Amino acid sequence: MNRVITLVLLVVILALAGCGGNTADNSKSDLKTAYSIVDSRGKRISFDKKPERIISLHVSTDEILLDMVDSGRILSVSKGGKERALSHVVDKAKAVNKTTEENIEFMLANKPDLVIIRENFKKDFIDALESSDIKTVVIKNPKRVDDIPDYIMQVAKAVGEEEKGEELIKTFKSRLAKINNLHIKEADKKSVIIASSLGARSFKGTIVDDVIHKSQLKNAVDDTDLPNDANLNISKEEIIKANPDVLLLIDWNIEKINRGESQVYKDYMSDESLQDVKAVKNNNVILIPMKLTVCFTHYVCESIEDLTNIVYKK
């Protein structure tokens, strides 16, 4: 009798051990697919699997996502992502049918499993997303070109593609190193000021300032006492004082740029107060799309190369 009891107990123990073993295996399997990240707010966001319905609200996140994940995982891209004057990935963006609308109704109707938003976006909108249980990752904006690898990796971690992020960063750094090795003699570098219909800006100490210098140009306000501020407008008097070799005029319509029909171009060329500025006097007022100076991703290499070629007419 004792022998029978012993055998029964042994069978029960083995069965329980088998169940316990299966449970452990399943747990390990779950852990392989689950991950979590900490976004720029210090908030932890957890994922059961890689997101498959991603919404992007910015041109820069469009550019990174479309080079990192299959377009089938992207639910919508920003309006700017489909504008040639703003985006380097217009053709790739055609594979994404929807364009992001910046309202909570659009988000609720489309049921994304991830929304990627840059910092300083409307806090009430972010709060509304999270109140609706929509996973929202807020990423830190790059302030200089050297910050771009971190910006790429923030997106990569959010979508569960760190390896692809590393590949993108490696290629970017390699291209940038080649650009950094190209040098025009300081005396031959042209000074520039960037302006648009919203006025001229200094861009001192910003990522745009980096683009100017890496394009073998000089920012005409570098030697002034103007503070480092991307949003600082500079007056016509300051333009005259800086006397740039080139005026770079941003327009948002690529067709108008190609035809030279931009109103901002006409305004600067006909402005009586600017007629003695070297750029205007020598007809070195150049229309460019915004993406040639304002770029926060690995595509900044294209921006730099294109800007160099346009200004130096290569």
Protein backbone atom coordinates (compact mmCIF):
# COMPACT_ATOMS: atom_id res chain seq x y z
CA MET A 1 0.00 0.00 0.00
CA ASN A 2 2.76 2.42 0.91
CA ARG A 3 4.45 1.59 -2.37
CA VAL A 4 1.29 2.50 -4.31
CA ILE A 5 0.97 5.81 -2.45
CA THR A 6 4.60 6.58 -3.16
CA LEU A 7 4.12 5.95 -6.88
CA VAL A 8 1.00 8.15 -6.99
CA LEU A 9 2.82 10.98 -5.25
CA LEU A 10 5.70 10.65 -7.70
CA VAL A 11 3.35 10.90 -10.69
CA VAL A 12 1.67 14.03 -9.18
CA ILE A 13 5.06 15.68 -8.52
CA LEU A 14 6.22 14.98 -12.08
CA ALA A 15 2.97 16.35 -13.50
CA LEU A 16 3.23 19.51 -11.44
CA ALA A 17 6.84 19.94 -12.46
CA GLY A 18 5.81 19.59 -16.09
CA CYS A 19 3.14 22.27 -15.70
CA GLY A 20 5.57 24.55 -13.96
CA GLY A 21 8.10 24.05 -16.75
CA ASN A 22 5.58 24.98 -19.44
CA THR A 23 4.55 28.08 -17.55
CA ALA A 24 8.16 29.25 -17.33
CA ASP A 25 8.69 28.68 -21.06
CA ASN A 26 5.58 30.69 -21.94
CA SER A 27 6.70 33.49 -19.67
CA LYS A 28 10.09 33.59 -21.36
CA SER A 29 8.41 33.69 -24.76
CA ASP A 30 6.27 36.65 -23.69
CA LEU A 31 9.31 38.50 -22.42
CA LYS A 32 11.01 38.20 -25.80
CA THR A 33 8.29 40.21 -27.51
CA ALA A 34 7.49 42.71 -24.75
CA TYR A 35 9.60 45.84 -24.18
CA SER A 36 9.39 49.23 -22.54
CA ILE A 37 11.01 52.62 -23.04
CA VAL A 38 11.37 55.85 -21.10
CA ASP A 39 10.46 58.89 -23.21
CA SER A 40 11.76 62.47 -22.97
CA ARG A 41 9.35 63.23 -20.11
CA GLY A 42 10.82 60.42 -18.03
CA LYS A 43 7.61 58.44 -18.50
CA ARG A 44 7.81 54.69 -19.00
CA ILE A 45 5.70 53.23 -21.81
CA SER A 46 5.36 49.45 -22.15
CA PHE A 47 4.55 47.44 -25.28
CA ASP A 48 3.28 43.86 -25.58
CA LYS A 49 4.55 43.76 -29.17
CA LYS A 50 6.02 46.06 -31.81
CA PRO A 51 3.42 48.69 -32.82
CA GLU A 52 1.70 48.12 -36.15
CA ARG A 53 -0.54 51.21 -36.34
CA ILE A 54 1.92 54.10 -35.89
CA ILE A 55 0.91 57.73 -36.26
CA SER A 56 3.56 60.36 -36.98
CA LEU A 57 2.88 64.08 -36.51
CA HIS A 58 6.13 65.57 -37.81
CA VAL A 59 8.17 65.58 -41.02
CA SER A 60 11.25 64.48 -39.09
CA THR A 61 9.58 61.42 -37.59
CA ASP A 62 8.12 60.61 -41.03
CA GLU A 63 11.64 60.61 -42.49
CA ILE A 64 13.00 58.28 -39.80
CA LEU A 65 10.02 55.90 -39.73
CA LEU A 66 9.85 55.45 -43.49
CA ASP A 67 13.52 54.37 -43.49
CA MET A 68 13.13 52.14 -40.44
CA VAL A 69 9.87 50.19 -40.59
CA ASP A 70 7.69 48.71 -43.30
CA SER A 71 5.21 51.33 -44.52
CA GLY A 72 2.42 48.88 -43.65
CA ARG A 73 3.12 49.58 -39.97
CA ILE A 74 2.62 53.33 -40.44
CA LEU A 75 -1.01 54.38 -40.17
CA SER A 76 -0.45 58.02 -41.14
CA VAL A 77 2.29 60.56 -41.78
CA SER A 78 2.26 64.32 -41.33
CA LYS A 79 0.93 66.67 -43.97
CA GLY A 80 4.45 68.07 -44.32
CA GLY A 81 5.77 64.58 -45.02
CA LYS A 82 4.00 64.73 -48.39
CA GLU A 83 5.22 68.24 -49.30
CA ARG A 84 8.37 68.33 -51.48
CA ALA A 85 9.52 71.65 -50.06
CA LEU A 86 9.53 70.22 -46.55
CA SER A 87 10.18 66.49 -46.80
CA HIS A 88 12.93 64.27 -48.21
CA VAL A 89 10.63 61.22 -48.28
CA VAL A 90 7.66 62.35 -50.38
CA ASP A 91 7.88 59.36 -52.71
CA LYS A 92 8.14 56.89 -49.83
CA ALA A 93 5.23 58.61 -48.06
CA LYS A 94 2.97 57.76 -51.01
CA ALA A 95 2.84 54.20 -49.64
CA VAL A 96 0.98 55.56 -46.57
CA ASN A 97 -2.62 56.38 -47.46
CA LYS A 98 -3.56 58.58 -44.54
CA THR A 99 -2.36 62.04 -43.54
CA THR A 100 -2.32 62.83 -39.84
CA GLU A 101 -4.88 65.28 -38.54
CA GLU A 102 -3.89 66.95 -35.30
CA ASN A 103 -7.12 66.37 -33.43
CA ILE A 104 -8.34 63.78 -30.95
CA GLU A 105 -11.25 62.76 -33.20
CA PHE A 106 -8.83 61.54 -35.87
CA MET A 107 -6.86 59.58 -33.29
CA LEU A 108 -9.90 57.89 -31.77
CA ALA A 109 -11.32 57.01 -35.18
CA ASN A 110 -8.08 55.38 -36.36
CA LYS A 111 -7.13 53.54 -33.14
CA PRO A 112 -3.31 53.82 -33.32
CA ASP A 113 -1.16 51.62 -31.11
CA LEU A 114 1.54 54.32 -31.00
CA VAL A 115 1.62 58.07 -31.54
CA ILE A 116 5.06 59.69 -31.77
CA ILE A 117 5.18 63.38 -30.83
CA ARG A 118 8.06 65.81 -30.48
CA GLU A 119 8.52 67.69 -27.20
CA ASN A 120 6.94 71.15 -26.89
CA PHE A 121 3.85 69.92 -28.74
CA LYS A 122 0.49 70.94 -27.27
CA LYS A 123 0.33 69.41 -23.78
CA ASP A 124 -3.47 69.30 -23.72
CA PHE A 125 -3.42 67.20 -26.90
CA ILE A 126 -0.91 64.76 -25.39
CA ASP A 127 -3.00 64.58 -22.21
CA ALA A 128 -6.13 63.85 -24.28
CA LEU A 129 -4.35 61.01 -26.10
CA GLU A 130 -3.20 59.38 -22.89
CA SER A 131 -6.60 59.85 -21.27
CA SER A 132 -7.96 57.83 -24.20
CA ASP A 133 -5.43 55.03 -23.49
CA ILE A 134 -3.47 55.75 -26.69
CA LYS A 135 0.22 54.98 -26.25
CA THR A 136 2.08 58.25 -26.74
CA VAL A 137 5.85 58.64 -26.88
CA VAL A 138 7.25 62.15 -26.61
CA ILE A 139 10.75 62.52 -28.06
CA LYS A 140 13.36 65.21 -27.42
CA ASN A 141 14.10 67.58 -30.31
CA PRO A 142 17.67 67.69 -31.65
CA LYS A 143 19.23 71.10 -31.03
CA ARG A 144 22.37 70.49 -33.12
CA VAL A 145 23.43 68.09 -35.88
CA ASP A 146 25.35 66.01 -33.32
CA ASP A 147 22.03 65.32 -31.53
CA ILE A 148 20.51 63.57 -34.56
CA PRO A 149 21.75 60.04 -33.68
CA ASP A 150 19.98 60.27 -30.32
CA TYR A 151 16.83 61.53 -32.05
CA ILE A 152 16.89 58.55 -34.44
CA MET A 153 17.41 56.13 -31.55
CA GLN A 154 14.46 57.56 -29.61
CA VAL A 155 12.21 56.67 -32.54
CA ALA A 156 13.91 53.29 -32.99
CA LYS A 157 13.31 52.32 -29.37
CA ALA A 158 9.68 53.44 -29.53
CA VAL A 159 8.94 51.15 -32.48
CA GLY A 160 11.07 48.24 -31.21
CA GLU A 161 13.73 48.56 -33.92
CA GLU A 162 16.96 49.44 -32.09
CA GLU A 163 19.09 47.39 -34.49
CA LYS A 164 17.72 49.24 -37.51
CA GLY A 165 18.23 52.48 -35.65
CA GLU A 166 21.90 51.63 -35.13
CA GLU A 167 22.27 50.86 -38.85
CA LEU A 168 20.71 54.19 -39.79
CA ILE A 169 22.98 56.04 -37.36
CA LYS A 170 26.08 54.25 -38.62
CA THR A 171 25.33 55.23 -42.23
CA PHE A 172 24.54 58.80 -41.18
CA LYS A 173 27.79 59.21 -39.25
CA SER A 174 29.80 57.82 -42.16
CA ARG A 175 28.24 60.28 -44.62
CA LEU A 176 28.62 63.19 -42.21
CA ALA A 177 32.31 62.39 -41.68
CA LYS A 178 32.91 62.68 -45.42
CA ILE A 179 31.08 66.02 -45.48
CA ASN A 180 33.13 67.27 -42.53
CA ASN A 181 36.33 66.48 -44.42
CA LEU A 182 35.42 68.81 -47.28
CA HIS A 183 36.86 72.29 -46.83
CA ILE A 184 36.69 75.56 -48.71
CA LYS A 185 39.27 78.18 -47.76
CA GLU A 186 37.91 80.55 -45.14
CA ALA A 187 38.51 83.54 -47.42
CA ASP A 188 36.44 81.90 -50.16
CA LYS A 189 33.44 81.02 -48.01
CA LYS A 190 30.26 82.97 -48.71
CA SER A 191 28.27 84.58 -45.93
CA VAL A 192 24.52 84.01 -45.85
CA ILE A 193 21.35 85.14 -44.16
CA ILE A 194 18.20 83.03 -44.27
CA ALA A 195 14.80 84.67 -44.63
CA SER A 196 11.21 83.87 -45.54
CA SER A 197 7.86 85.63 -45.74
CA LEU A 198 8.01 85.66 -41.92
CA GLY A 199 11.21 87.71 -41.96
CA ALA A 200 14.94 87.02 -41.60
CA ARG A 201 16.33 85.01 -38.68
CA SER A 202 19.77 84.71 -37.15
CA PHE A 203 19.70 80.94 -36.35
CA LYS A 204 22.87 81.40 -34.27
CA GLY A 205 23.68 78.38 -32.11
CA THR A 206 21.06 76.12 -33.68
CA ILE A 207 20.90 73.07 -35.92
CA VAL A 208 20.33 75.42 -38.89
CA ASP A 209 23.55 77.22 -37.99
CA ASP A 210 25.29 73.82 -38.13
CA VAL A 211 23.85 73.20 -41.61
CA ILE A 212 25.16 76.59 -42.77
CA HIS A 213 28.69 75.88 -41.57
CA LYS A 214 28.79 72.28 -42.76
CA SER A 215 27.72 73.58 -46.19
CA GLN A 216 31.01 75.52 -46.26
CA LEU A 217 29.19 78.81 -45.67
CA LYS A 218 29.38 81.49 -43.01
CA ASN A 219 26.42 82.74 -41.03
CA ALA A 220 26.57 86.49 -41.69
CA VAL A 221 25.51 87.23 -38.10
CA ASP A 222 28.16 85.02 -36.46
CA ASP A 223 30.29 87.98 -35.39
CA THR A 224 27.41 90.08 -34.08
CA ASP A 225 26.21 90.30 -30.49
CA LEU A 226 22.88 88.69 -31.38
CA PRO A 227 21.99 85.89 -28.93
CA ASN A 228 21.71 82.21 -29.90
CA ASP A 229 18.04 81.85 -30.75
CA ALA A 230 16.34 79.98 -33.60
CA ASN A 231 13.26 82.20 -33.39
CA LEU A 232 15.04 85.54 -33.26
CA ASN A 233 14.01 87.76 -36.16
CA ILE A 234 16.61 90.20 -37.42
CA SER A 235 15.73 93.62 -38.77
CA LYS A 236 16.51 95.05 -42.20
CA GLU A 237 19.03 97.31 -40.52
CA GLU A 238 20.83 94.23 -39.19
CA ILE A 239 20.76 92.64 -42.65
CA ILE A 240 22.33 95.76 -44.12
CA LYS A 241 24.98 95.79 -41.36
CA ALA A 242 25.78 92.09 -41.87
CA ASN A 243 25.91 92.64 -45.66
CA PRO A 244 25.70 88.94 -46.67
CA ASP A 245 27.10 87.59 -49.92
CA VAL A 246 23.96 85.49 -50.35
CA LEU A 247 20.35 85.73 -49.24
CA LEU A 248 18.67 82.34 -48.94
CA LEU A 249 14.92 82.77 -49.23
CA ILE A 250 12.71 79.94 -48.03
CA ASP A 251 9.47 79.28 -49.86
CA TRP A 252 6.99 76.50 -49.05
CA ASN A 253 5.90 75.86 -52.64
CA ILE A 254 8.37 73.78 -54.66
CA GLU A 255 6.67 74.62 -57.97
CA LYS A 256 7.01 78.36 -57.33
CA ILE A 257 10.65 77.86 -56.37
CA ASN A 258 11.32 76.03 -59.62
CA ARG A 259 9.60 78.78 -61.62
CA GLY A 260 11.19 81.62 -59.63
CA GLU A 261 7.75 83.11 -59.03
CA SER A 262 7.94 83.42 -55.27
CA GLN A 263 6.47 86.57 -53.73
CA VAL A 264 9.14 86.61 -51.03
CA TYR A 265 11.78 86.76 -53.78
CA LYS A 266 10.05 89.73 -55.42
CA ASP A 267 9.74 91.50 -52.07
CA TYR A 268 13.44 91.24 -51.22
CA MET A 269 14.69 92.07 -54.69
CA SER A 270 12.50 95.19 -54.93
CA ASP A 271 13.11 96.45 -51.39
CA GLU A 272 14.75 99.87 -51.80
CA SER A 273 16.49 99.67 -48.43
CA LEU A 274 18.36 96.49 -49.44
CA GLN A 275 19.68 97.53 -52.84
CA ASP A 276 23.23 98.08 -51.55
CA VAL A 277 23.42 94.71 -49.80
CA LYS A 278 25.92 92.51 -51.68
CA ALA A 279 23.46 89.66 -52.15
CA VAL A 280 20.85 91.88 -53.78
CA LYS A 281 23.34 94.00 -55.72
CA ASN A 282 25.03 90.89 -57.19
CA ASN A 283 21.75 89.03 -57.72
CA ASN A 284 22.75 86.32 -55.25
CA VAL A 285 19.27 85.96 -53.80
CA ILE A 286 18.44 82.27 -53.99
CA LEU A 287 15.08 80.56 -53.51
CA ILE A 288 15.31 77.29 -51.62
CA PRO A 289 12.87 74.79 -50.08
CA MET A 290 12.80 74.73 -46.30
CA LYS A 291 14.21 71.18 -46.13
CA LEU A 292 17.63 72.49 -47.26
CA THR A 293 18.15 74.34 -44.00
CA VAL A 294 15.61 72.98 -41.52
CA CYS A 295 16.23 69.25 -41.19
CA PHE A 296 16.39 67.19 -38.00
CA THR A 297 17.21 63.72 -39.36
CA HIS A 298 19.85 61.73 -41.22
CA TYR A 299 18.62 63.50 -44.37
CA VAL A 300 20.52 66.56 -43.20
CA CYS A 301 23.40 65.14 -45.27
CA GLU A 302 21.31 65.65 -48.43
CA SER A 303 20.37 69.13 -47.23
CA ILE A 304 24.01 70.09 -46.71
CA GLU A 305 25.16 68.69 -50.04
CA ASP A 306 22.32 70.35 -51.96
CA LEU A 307 22.84 73.70 -50.25
CA THR A 308 26.58 73.65 -50.99
CA ASN A 309 25.94 72.86 -54.65
CA ILE A 310 23.28 75.54 -55.03
CA VAL A 311 25.26 78.37 -53.42
CA TYR A 312 28.57 77.51 -55.08
CA LYS A 313 26.81 76.54 -58.33
CA LYS A 314 28.52 73.15 -58.56
